[in-house]
Protein backbone atom coordinates (compact mmCIF):
# COMPACT_ATOMS: atom_id res chain seq x y z
CA MET A 1 -37.92 62.59 7.44
CA ARG A 2 -39.98 60.59 5.60
CA ARG A 3 -39.47 58.13 2.64
CA HIS A 4 -41.24 57.86 -0.27
CA GLN A 5 -41.82 54.59 -2.10
CA GLN A 6 -41.74 54.60 -5.56
CA GLY A 7 -43.33 51.85 -7.95
CA MET A 8 -46.01 50.08 -9.32
CA THR A 9 -49.06 49.44 -7.42
CA LEU A 10 -50.11 46.00 -7.87
CA ALA A 11 -53.45 47.17 -9.91
CA SER A 12 -51.16 49.48 -12.04
CA PHE A 13 -49.35 46.15 -12.68
CA ILE A 14 -52.02 43.91 -13.63
CA ILE A 15 -52.91 46.58 -16.15
CA VAL A 16 -49.58 46.77 -17.58
CA LEU A 17 -49.76 42.83 -17.88
CA ALA A 18 -53.46 42.93 -19.51
CA VAL A 19 -52.12 45.52 -22.48
CA VAL A 20 -48.88 43.30 -22.80
CA GLY A 21 -51.15 40.46 -23.11
CA VAL A 22 -53.33 41.83 -25.86
CA PHE A 23 -50.46 42.82 -27.67
CA VAL A 24 -48.70 39.46 -27.58
CA TYR A 25 -51.94 37.67 -28.87
CA VAL A 26 -52.72 40.15 -31.27
CA GLY A 27 -49.05 39.68 -32.69
CA MET A 28 -49.73 35.90 -32.55
CA LYS A 29 -52.61 35.80 -35.05
CA LEU A 30 -50.63 38.60 -37.73
CA ILE A 31 -47.40 37.01 -37.71
CA PRO A 32 -48.25 33.94 -39.28
CA MET A 33 -50.54 35.96 -41.83
CA TYR A 34 -46.89 38.56 -43.12
CA SER A 35 -44.78 35.27 -42.62
CA GLU A 36 -46.84 33.56 -45.45
CA TYR A 37 -46.60 36.68 -47.10
CA PHE A 38 -43.18 37.00 -47.24
CA SER A 39 -42.76 33.52 -48.30
CA VAL A 40 -45.00 34.14 -51.46
CA LYS A 41 -42.61 36.98 -52.19
CA LYS A 42 -39.81 34.33 -51.77
CA ALA A 43 -41.10 32.22 -54.29
CA LEU A 44 -41.51 34.90 -56.73
CA GLU A 45 -38.53 36.41 -56.37
CA GLY A 46 -36.83 32.97 -56.45
CA MET A 47 -38.42 32.22 -59.49
CA ALA A 48 -37.91 35.45 -61.01
CA THR A 49 -34.29 34.36 -61.03
CA ASP A 50 -34.73 31.09 -63.34
CA ALA A 51 -33.92 32.25 -66.51
CA ASP A 52 -36.24 29.73 -68.51
CA MET A 53 -39.48 30.74 -66.32
CA ALA A 54 -40.37 33.74 -68.75
CA ASN A 55 -40.28 30.46 -71.37
CA ALA A 56 -42.53 28.48 -69.87
CA ASP A 57 -46.03 27.58 -69.81
CA PRO A 58 -48.60 29.14 -67.32
CA ALA A 59 -49.15 25.86 -65.98
CA LYS A 60 -45.70 24.60 -65.30
CA ILE A 61 -45.25 28.22 -63.71
CA LYS A 62 -48.24 27.88 -61.43
CA ASP A 63 -47.22 24.64 -60.59
CA LEU A 64 -43.63 25.18 -59.58
CA PHE A 65 -45.05 28.70 -57.52
CA PHE A 66 -47.14 26.07 -55.70
CA ARG A 67 -44.58 23.50 -55.05
CA ARG A 68 -42.43 26.37 -53.28
CA MET A 69 -45.40 27.14 -51.33
CA ASP A 70 -45.95 23.58 -50.23
CA VAL A 71 -42.31 23.80 -48.82
CA ASN A 72 -43.18 27.19 -46.83
CA TYR A 73 -46.15 25.99 -45.62
CA GLY A 74 -48.78 28.33 -47.39
CA ASP A 75 -52.02 27.23 -47.11
CA ASP A 76 -54.15 30.60 -47.81
CA VAL A 77 -52.92 30.84 -51.03
CA LYS A 78 -55.38 29.25 -53.74
CA PRO A 79 -54.86 28.56 -57.51
CA GLU A 80 -57.81 31.10 -58.06
CA ASN A 81 -55.71 33.94 -56.41
CA VAL A 82 -52.77 33.59 -58.82
CA THR A 83 -52.98 35.24 -62.11
CA LEU A 84 -50.37 35.24 -65.23
CA LYS A 85 -50.57 37.82 -67.87
CA ARG A 86 -48.69 37.94 -71.08
CA LYS A 87 -45.95 40.54 -71.39
CA GLU A 88 -43.86 41.50 -74.33
CA ALA A 89 -40.71 39.84 -72.49
CA GLY A 90 -42.64 37.27 -70.77
CA TRP A 91 -44.97 36.70 -68.12
CA VAL A 92 -46.15 38.82 -64.82
CA MET A 93 -47.13 36.84 -62.01
CA THR A 94 -49.95 38.21 -59.27
CA VAL A 95 -50.69 36.87 -56.35
CA ASP A 96 -53.93 38.46 -54.48
CA TYR A 97 -55.36 37.25 -51.68
CA ASP A 98 -57.24 37.68 -48.21
CA VAL A 99 -56.57 36.09 -45.04
CA GLN A 100 -58.97 36.30 -42.18
CA ARG A 101 -58.46 34.90 -39.01
CA PRO A 102 -60.86 34.79 -35.74
CA LEU A 103 -59.40 37.19 -33.15
CA ILE A 104 -61.58 37.86 -29.76
CA ALA A 105 -65.13 36.41 -29.94
CA ASN A 106 -66.64 38.12 -32.93
CA LEU A 107 -64.23 39.90 -34.11
CA ASP A 108 -62.02 38.75 -36.57
CA VAL A 109 -58.57 40.43 -38.21
CA VAL A 110 -58.82 40.47 -41.98
CA GLY A 111 -55.39 40.59 -44.17
CA HIS A 112 -55.14 41.72 -48.31
CA PHE A 113 -52.00 40.69 -49.71
CA HIS A 114 -50.95 41.76 -53.23
CA ALA A 115 -47.41 40.85 -54.95
CA GLU A 116 -46.93 40.72 -58.17
CA LYS A 117 -43.48 39.59 -60.25
CA GLU A 118 -42.28 40.00 -63.69
CA PHE A 119 -40.08 37.07 -65.57
CA LYS A 120 -37.96 38.78 -68.11
CA ARG A 121 -36.41 37.08 -70.96
CA VAL A 122 -33.04 36.81 -71.20
CA ALA A 123 -31.64 38.61 -74.32
CA ASP A 124 -29.04 35.63 -76.20
């Protein structure tokens, strides 16, 4: 009676290792982009809980936002990516930006991110 061996050959193991390596490499490029986006959303959420935010002037709101982004190392969001629009109950802050990172050779990965939050006046 002959036994049949089961398992991966060396060639199939190398192929699986290469595929896993590519996914890990792409993840290393994408995770910082999404981490920064979640920092933007967290900064907006934190600012929305501040009752004085709806009554502040736009320069102060932007300054507070970029201070929060400096703490979270948000380098891809620039002042031209942030807009404030007056709404009847306060302000609407929109952060709309693109991030481009080199991937492999002449291939890049581009992410477009959009976050928006309304700062409402608190009724007395």
